[in-house]
Amino acid sequence: MTGHIHKNRARNHYAAYSSVAAHAERHTDYLNAATLWDKAASTARSAPARFWAERRSEFCYNAAEKGWGKTNESAAV
């Protein structure tokens, strides 16, 4: 999955963006995930969905800034 979504292929843009964003998060591609969560937030049809996407985006930007998920990062904290 590349993270790029052709905007006219899905009727529910929020679902498409959030699905790819979650996939990027699971693979520790936090910067890409944050961008996708921003897009999901901008296409959300409800306030709770927009709120969730905005919080996920903030989390992912923070994770990217701190370098979480890098290959040399220790699994033990």
PDB file of N, CA and C in Angstrom:
ATOM      1  N   MET A   1       0.835  -1.179   0.000  1.00  0.00           N
ATOM      2  CA  MET A   1       0.000   0.000   0.000  1.00  0.00           C
ATOM      3  C   MET A   1       0.879   1.240   0.000  1.00  0.00           C
ATOM      4  N   THR A   2       0.563   2.186  -0.839  1.00  0.00           N
ATOM      5  CA  THR A   2       1.437   3.329  -0.989  1.00  0.00           C
ATOM      6  C   THR A   2       1.011   4.540  -0.182  1.00  0.00           C
ATOM      7  N   GLY A   3      -0.235   4.621   0.195  1.00  0.00           N
ATOM      8  CA  GLY A   3      -0.685   5.798   0.920  1.00  0.00           C
ATOM      9  C   GLY A   3      -1.331   6.825   0.012  1.00  0.00           C
ATOM     10  N   HIS A   4      -1.255   6.608  -1.298  1.00  0.00           N
ATOM     11  CA  HIS A   4      -1.886   7.525  -2.235  1.00  0.00           C
ATOM     12  C   HIS A   4      -3.240   6.958  -2.630  1.00  0.00           C
ATOM     13  N   ILE A   5      -4.252   7.782  -2.558  1.00  0.00           N
ATOM     14  CA  ILE A   5      -5.608   7.354  -2.882  1.00  0.00           C
ATOM     15  C   ILE A   5      -6.151   8.272  -3.961  1.00  0.00           C
ATOM     16  N   HIS A   6      -6.642   7.699  -5.016  1.00  0.00           N
ATOM     17  CA  HIS A   6      -7.303   8.493  -6.040  1.00  0.00           C
ATOM     18  C   HIS A   6      -8.638   8.939  -5.454  1.00  0.00           C
ATOM     19  N   LYS A   7      -8.830  10.222  -5.318  1.00  0.00           N
ATOM     20  CA  LYS A   7      -9.963  10.761  -4.568  1.00  0.00           C
ATOM     21  C   LYS A   7     -11.328  10.379  -5.129  1.00  0.00           C
ATOM     22  N   ASN A   8     -11.434  10.060  -6.384  1.00  0.00           N
ATOM     23  CA  ASN A   8     -12.740   9.748  -6.969  1.00  0.00           C
ATOM     24  C   ASN A   8     -13.078   8.268  -6.932  1.00  0.00           C
ATOM     25  N   ARG A   9     -12.221   7.434  -6.405  1.00  0.00           N
ATOM     26  CA  ARG A   9     -12.476   5.997  -6.402  1.00  0.00           C
ATOM     27  C   ARG A   9     -13.361   5.549  -5.246  1.00  0.00           C
ATOM     28  N   ALA A  10     -13.394   6.277  -4.174  1.00  0.00           N
ATOM     29  CA  ALA A  10     -14.191   5.870  -3.011  1.00  0.00           C
ATOM     30  C   ALA A  10     -15.245   6.932  -2.728  1.00  0.00           C
ATOM     31  N   ARG A  11     -16.431   6.476  -2.418  1.00  0.00           N
ATOM     32  CA  ARG A  11     -17.477   7.434  -2.060  1.00  0.00           C
ATOM     33  C   ARG A  11     -17.276   7.942  -0.643  1.00  0.00           C
ATOM     34  N   ASN A  12     -16.726   7.107   0.208  1.00  0.00           N
ATOM     35  CA  ASN A  12     -16.469   7.506   1.582  1.00  0.00           C
ATOM     36  C   ASN A  12     -14.975   7.783   1.726  1.00  0.00           C
ATOM     37  N   HIS A  13     -14.597   9.015   1.476  1.00  0.00           N
ATOM     38  CA  HIS A  13     -13.187   9.382   1.513  1.00  0.00           C
ATOM     39  C   HIS A  13     -12.596   9.184   2.906  1.00  0.00           C
ATOM     40  N   TYR A  14     -13.373   9.491   3.940  1.00  0.00           N
ATOM     41  CA  TYR A  14     -12.871   9.316   5.306  1.00  0.00           C
ATOM     42  C   TYR A  14     -12.444   7.871   5.538  1.00  0.00           C
ATOM     43  N   ALA A  15     -13.274   6.927   5.158  1.00  0.00           N
ATOM     44  CA  ALA A  15     -12.955   5.512   5.366  1.00  0.00           C
ATOM     45  C   ALA A  15     -11.702   5.122   4.593  1.00  0.00           C
ATOM     46  N   ALA A  16     -11.575   5.609   3.382  1.00  0.00           N
ATOM     47  CA  ALA A  16     -10.410   5.276   2.567  1.00  0.00           C
ATOM     48  C   ALA A  16      -9.136   5.845   3.185  1.00  0.00           C
ATOM     49  N   TYR A  17      -9.154   7.128   3.528  1.00  0.00           N
ATOM     50  CA  TYR A  17      -7.966   7.748   4.113  1.00  0.00           C
ATOM     51  C   TYR A  17      -7.617   7.144   5.471  1.00  0.00           C
ATOM     52  N   SER A  18      -8.615   6.933   6.311  1.00  0.00           N
ATOM     53  CA  SER A  18      -8.327   6.413   7.651  1.00  0.00           C
ATOM     54  C   SER A  18      -7.810   4.983   7.592  1.00  0.00           C
ATOM     55  N   SER A  19      -8.291   4.198   6.653  1.00  0.00           N
ATOM     56  CA  SER A  19      -7.815   2.825   6.509  1.00  0.00           C
ATOM     57  C   SER A  19      -6.334   2.790   6.131  1.00  0.00           C
ATOM     58  N   VAL A  20      -5.951   3.611   5.170  1.00  0.00           N
ATOM     59  CA  VAL A  20      -4.547   3.651   4.748  1.00  0.00           C
ATOM     60  C   VAL A  20      -3.681   4.285   5.839  1.00  0.00           C
ATOM     61  N   ALA A  21      -4.219   5.276   6.545  1.00  0.00           N
ATOM     62  CA  ALA A  21      -3.477   5.902   7.644  1.00  0.00           C
ATOM     63  C   ALA A  21      -3.196   4.893   8.746  1.00  0.00           C
ATOM     64  N   ALA A  22      -4.194   4.096   9.094  1.00  0.00           N
ATOM     65  CA  ALA A  22      -4.008   3.077  10.130  1.00  0.00           C
ATOM     66  C   ALA A  22      -2.968   2.049   9.697  1.00  0.00           C
ATOM     67  N   HIS A  23      -2.984   1.683   8.429  1.00  0.00           N
ATOM     68  CA  HIS A  23      -1.985   0.744   7.903  1.00  0.00           C
ATOM     69  C   HIS A  23      -0.582   1.344   8.026  1.00  0.00           C
ATOM     70  N   ALA A  24      -0.447   2.615   7.672  1.00  0.00           N
ATOM     71  CA  ALA A  24       0.852   3.287   7.776  1.00  0.00           C
ATOM     72  C   ALA A  24       1.318   3.337   9.231  1.00  0.00           C
ATOM     73  N   GLU A  25       0.391   3.601  10.149  1.00  0.00           N
ATOM     74  CA  GLU A  25       0.738   3.609  11.579  1.00  0.00           C
ATOM     75  C   GLU A  25       1.256   2.257  12.033  1.00  0.00           C
ATOM     76  N   ARG A  26       0.562   1.197  11.637  1.00  0.00           N
ATOM     77  CA  ARG A  26       0.973  -0.152  12.037  1.00  0.00           C
ATOM     78  C   ARG A  26       2.366  -0.491  11.525  1.00  0.00           C
ATOM     79  N   HIS A  27       2.757   0.144  10.431  1.00  0.00           N
ATOM     80  CA  HIS A  27       4.082  -0.105   9.869  1.00  0.00           C
ATOM     81  C   HIS A  27       5.063   1.010  10.235  1.00  0.00           C
ATOM     82  N   THR A  28       4.744   1.762  11.261  1.00  0.00           N
ATOM     83  CA  THR A  28       5.560   2.847  11.829  1.00  0.00           C
ATOM     84  C   THR A  28       5.981   3.897  10.798  1.00  0.00           C
ATOM     85  N   ASP A  29       5.158   4.109   9.793  1.00  0.00           N
ATOM     86  CA  ASP A  29       5.374   5.183   8.823  1.00  0.00           C
ATOM     87  C   ASP A  29       4.559   6.380   9.308  1.00  0.00           C
ATOM     88  N   TYR A  30       5.032   6.963  10.425  1.00  0.00           N
ATOM     89  CA  TYR A  30       4.229   7.952  11.136  1.00  0.00           C
ATOM     90  C   TYR A  30       4.007   9.255  10.373  1.00  0.00           C
ATOM     91  N   LEU A  31       4.987   9.709   9.632  1.00  0.00           N
ATOM     92  CA  LEU A  31       4.806  10.964   8.905  1.00  0.00           C
ATOM     93  C   LEU A  31       3.747  10.809   7.815  1.00  0.00           C
ATOM     94  N   ASN A  32       3.798   9.719   7.082  1.00  0.00           N
ATOM     95  CA  ASN A  32       2.780   9.444   6.069  1.00  0.00           C
ATOM     96  C   ASN A  32       1.413   9.269   6.732  1.00  0.00           C
ATOM     97  N   ALA A  33       1.380   8.557   7.849  1.00  0.00           N
ATOM     98  CA  ALA A  33       0.120   8.344   8.567  1.00  0.00           C
ATOM     99  C   ALA A  33      -0.480   9.676   9.011  1.00  0.00           C
ATOM    100  N   ALA A  34       0.349  10.577   9.520  1.00  0.00           N
ATOM    101  CA  ALA A  34      -0.149  11.878   9.974  1.00  0.00           C
ATOM    102  C   ALA A  34      -0.789  12.651   8.828  1.00  0.00           C
ATOM    103  N   THR A  35      -0.144  12.644   7.682  1.00  0.00           N
ATOM    104  CA  THR A  35      -0.685  13.332   6.511  1.00  0.00           C
ATOM    105  C   THR A  35      -2.021  12.727   6.094  1.00  0.00           C
ATOM    106  N   LEU A  36      -2.097  11.410   6.115  1.00  0.00           N
ATOM    107  CA  LEU A  36      -3.344  10.737   5.748  1.00  0.00           C
ATOM    108  C   LEU A  36      -4.443  10.991   6.772  1.00  0.00           C
ATOM    109  N   TRP A  37      -4.089  11.035   8.064  1.00  0.00           N
ATOM    110  CA  TRP A  37      -5.096  11.358   9.081  1.00  0.00           C
ATOM    111  C   TRP A  37      -5.606  12.788   8.887  1.00  0.00           C
ATOM    112  N   ASP A  38      -4.721  13.710   8.473  1.00  0.00           N
ATOM    113  CA  ASP A  38      -5.171  15.077   8.173  1.00  0.00           C
ATOM    114  C   ASP A  38      -6.205  15.069   7.049  1.00  0.00           C
ATOM    115  N   LYS A  39      -5.935  14.280   6.011  1.00  0.00           N
ATOM    116  CA  LYS A  39      -6.881  14.184   4.894  1.00  0.00           C
ATOM    117  C   LYS A  39      -8.192  13.552   5.354  1.00  0.00           C
ATOM    118  N   ALA A  40      -8.093  12.538   6.209  1.00  0.00           N
ATOM    119  CA  ALA A  40      -9.303  11.908   6.740  1.00  0.00           C
ATOM    120  C   ALA A  40     -10.117  12.926   7.535  1.00  0.00           C
ATOM    121  N   ALA A  41      -9.450  13.719   8.360  1.00  0.00           N
ATOM    122  CA  ALA A  41     -10.151  14.728   9.160  1.00  0.00           C
ATOM    123  C   ALA A  41     -10.877  15.729   8.268  1.00  0.00           C
ATOM    124  N   SER A  42     -10.247  16.099   7.167  1.00  0.00           N
ATOM    125  CA  SER A  42     -10.866  17.093   6.281  1.00  0.00           C
ATOM    126  C   SER A  42     -12.060  16.531   5.512  1.00  0.00           C
ATOM    127  N   THR A  43     -12.193  15.205   5.466  1.00  0.00           N
ATOM    128  CA  THR A  43     -13.322  14.599   4.751  1.00  0.00           C
ATOM    129  C   THR A  43     -14.328  13.940   5.688  1.00  0.00           C
ATOM    130  N   ALA A  44     -14.108  14.052   6.991  1.00  0.00           N
ATOM    131  CA  ALA A  44     -15.006  13.423   7.969  1.00  0.00           C
ATOM    132  C   ALA A  44     -16.399  14.035   7.882  1.00  0.00           C
ATOM    133  N   ARG A  45     -17.394  13.189   8.031  1.00  0.00           N
ATOM    134  CA  ARG A  45     -18.785  13.644   7.956  1.00  0.00           C
ATOM    135  C   ARG A  45     -19.385  13.920   9.327  1.00  0.00           C
ATOM    136  N   SER A  46     -18.667  13.557  10.388  1.00  0.00           N
ATOM    137  CA  SER A  46     -19.191  13.796  11.736  1.00  0.00           C
ATOM    138  C   SER A  46     -18.104  14.407  12.609  1.00  0.00           C
ATOM    139  N   ALA A  47     -18.536  15.095  13.643  1.00  0.00           N
ATOM    140  CA  ALA A  47     -17.592  15.711  14.576  1.00  0.00           C
ATOM    141  C   ALA A  47     -16.732  14.670  15.295  1.00  0.00           C
ATOM    142  N   PRO A  48     -17.300  13.549  15.761  1.00  0.00           N
ATOM    143  CA  PRO A  48     -16.451  12.547  16.427  1.00  0.00           C
ATOM    144  C   PRO A  48     -15.389  11.950  15.492  1.00  0.00           C
ATOM    145  N   ALA A  49     -15.743  11.716  14.247  1.00  0.00           N
ATOM    146  CA  ALA A  49     -14.771  11.176  13.292  1.00  0.00           C
ATOM    147  C   ALA A  49     -13.666  12.194  13.032  1.00  0.00           C
ATOM    148  N   ARG A  50     -14.033  13.460  12.892  1.00  0.00           N
ATOM    149  CA  ARG A  50     -13.048  14.518  12.679  1.00  0.00           C
ATOM    150  C   ARG A  50     -12.132  14.631  13.896  1.00  0.00           C
ATOM    151  N   PHE A  51     -12.709  14.600  15.091  1.00  0.00           N
ATOM    152  CA  PHE A  51     -11.928  14.681  16.327  1.00  0.00           C
ATOM    153  C   PHE A  51     -10.925  13.526  16.396  1.00  0.00           C
ATOM    154  N   TRP A  52     -11.390  12.307  16.118  1.00  0.00           N
ATOM    155  CA  TRP A  52     -10.518  11.128  16.166  1.00  0.00           C
ATOM    156  C   TRP A  52      -9.353  11.276  15.176  1.00  0.00           C
ATOM    157  N   ALA A  53      -9.662  11.669  13.953  1.00  0.00           N
ATOM    158  CA  ALA A  53      -8.623  11.801  12.934  1.00  0.00           C
ATOM    159  C   ALA A  53      -7.611  12.886  13.310  1.00  0.00           C
ATOM    160  N   GLU A  54      -8.084  13.974  13.873  1.00  0.00           N
ATOM    161  CA  GLU A  54      -7.171  15.045  14.294  1.00  0.00           C
ATOM    162  C   GLU A  54      -6.251  14.575  15.418  1.00  0.00           C
ATOM    163  N   ARG A  55      -6.790  13.819  16.374  1.00  0.00           N
ATOM    164  CA  ARG A  55      -5.956  13.301  17.472  1.00  0.00           C
ATOM    165  C   ARG A  55      -4.935  12.286  16.955  1.00  0.00           C
ATOM    166  N   ARG A  56      -5.355  11.414  16.035  1.00  0.00           N
ATOM    167  CA  ARG A  56      -4.423  10.437  15.458  1.00  0.00           C
ATOM    168  C   ARG A  56      -3.314  11.165  14.710  1.00  0.00           C
ATOM    169  N   SER A  57      -3.669  12.208  13.980  1.00  0.00           N
ATOM    170  CA  SER A  57      -2.673  12.982  13.244  1.00  0.00           C
ATOM    171  C   SER A  57      -1.659  13.596  14.202  1.00  0.00           C
ATOM    172  N   GLU A  58      -2.138  14.187  15.286  1.00  0.00           N
ATOM    173  CA  GLU A  58      -1.234  14.771  16.284  1.00  0.00           C
ATOM    174  C   GLU A  58      -0.302  13.711  16.855  1.00  0.00           C
ATOM    175  N   PHE A  59      -0.857  12.548  17.184  1.00  0.00           N
ATOM    176  CA  PHE A  59      -0.051  11.455  17.719  1.00  0.00           C
ATOM    177  C   PHE A  59       1.035  11.057  16.722  1.00  0.00           C
ATOM    178  N   CYS A  60       0.658  10.913  15.461  1.00  0.00           N
ATOM    179  CA  CYS A  60       1.614  10.465  14.447  1.00  0.00           C
ATOM    180  C   CYS A  60       2.693  11.508  14.173  1.00  0.00           C
ATOM    181  N   TYR A  61       2.315  12.791  14.134  1.00  0.00           N
ATOM    182  CA  TYR A  61       3.336  13.828  13.964  1.00  0.00           C
ATOM    183  C   TYR A  61       4.321  13.784  15.134  1.00  0.00           C
ATOM    184  N   ASN A  62       3.813  13.601  16.345  1.00  0.00           N
ATOM    185  CA  ASN A  62       4.669  13.506  17.522  1.00  0.00           C
ATOM    186  C   ASN A  62       5.592  12.288  17.426  1.00  0.00           C
ATOM    187  N   ALA A  63       5.045  11.151  17.030  1.00  0.00           N
ATOM    188  CA  ALA A  63       5.838   9.928  16.897  1.00  0.00           C
ATOM    189  C   ALA A  63       6.927  10.103  15.842  1.00  0.00           C
ATOM    190  N   ALA A  64       6.591  10.754  14.732  1.00  0.00           N
ATOM    191  CA  ALA A  64       7.575  10.989  13.669  1.00  0.00           C
ATOM    192  C   ALA A  64       8.681  11.917  14.159  1.00  0.00           C
ATOM    193  N   GLU A  65       8.281  12.959  14.882  1.00  0.00           N
ATOM    194  CA  GLU A  65       9.253  13.920  15.401  1.00  0.00           C
ATOM    195  C   GLU A  65      10.224  13.263  16.377  1.00  0.00           C
ATOM    196  N   LYS A  66       9.724  12.330  17.176  1.00  0.00           N
ATOM    197  CA  LYS A  66      10.556  11.659  18.172  1.00  0.00           C
ATOM    198  C   LYS A  66      11.311  10.461  17.596  1.00  0.00           C
ATOM    199  N   GLY A  67      11.028  10.124  16.342  1.00  0.00           N
ATOM    200  CA  GLY A  67      11.730   9.024  15.694  1.00  0.00           C
ATOM    201  C   GLY A  67      11.282   7.649  16.137  1.00  0.00           C
ATOM    202  N   TRP A  68      10.053   7.524  16.587  1.00  0.00           N
ATOM    203  CA  TRP A  68       9.557   6.221  17.028  1.00  0.00           C
ATOM    204  C   TRP A  68       9.497   5.261  15.852  1.00  0.00           C
ATOM    205  N   GLY A  69       9.736   3.997  16.137  1.00  0.00           N
ATOM    206  CA  GLY A  69       9.597   2.960  15.131  1.00  0.00           C
ATOM    207  C   GLY A  69      10.775   2.798  14.202  1.00  0.00           C
ATOM    208  N   LYS A  70      11.859   3.481  14.465  1.00  0.00           N
ATOM    209  CA  LYS A  70      13.042   3.323  13.624  1.00  0.00           C
ATOM    210  C   LYS A  70      13.680   1.970  13.887  1.00  0.00           C
ATOM    211  N   THR A  71      14.393   1.456  12.926  1.00  0.00           N
ATOM    212  CA  THR A  71      14.929   0.100  13.010  1.00  0.00           C
ATOM    213  C   THR A  71      15.885  -0.108  14.171  1.00  0.00           C
ATOM    214  N   ASN A  72      16.595   0.901  14.597  1.00  0.00           N
ATOM    215  CA  ASN A  72      17.544   0.736  15.701  1.00  0.00           C
ATOM    216  C   ASN A  72      16.942   1.077  17.061  1.00  0.00           C
ATOM    217  N   GLU A  73      15.646   1.315  17.099  1.00  0.00           N
ATOM    218  CA  GLU A  73      14.983   1.643  18.357  1.00  0.00           C
ATOM    219  C   GLU A  73      14.822   0.375  19.194  1.00  0.00           C
ATOM    220  N   SER A  74      15.079   0.483  20.461  1.00  0.00           N
ATOM    221  CA  SER A  74      14.939  -0.657  21.363  1.00  0.00           C
ATOM    222  C   SER A  74      13.467  -0.946  21.619  1.00  0.00           C
ATOM    223  N   ALA A  75      13.110  -2.216  21.625  1.00  0.00           N
ATOM    224  CA  ALA A  75      11.728  -2.609  21.902  1.00  0.00           C
ATOM    225  C   ALA A  75      11.414  -2.491  23.388  1.00  0.00           C
ATOM    226  N   ALA A  76      12.421  -2.601  24.222  1.00  0.00           N
ATOM    227  CA  ALA A  76      12.222  -2.497  25.671  1.00  0.00           C
ATOM    228  C   ALA A  76      12.346  -1.047  26.098  1.00  0.00           C
ATOM    229  N   VAL A  77      11.464  -0.649  26.989  1.00  0.00           N
ATOM    230  CA  VAL A  77      11.507   0.732  27.483  1.00  0.00           C
ATOM    231  C   VAL A  77      11.903   0.720  28.926  1.00  0.00           C
TER     232      VAL A  77
END
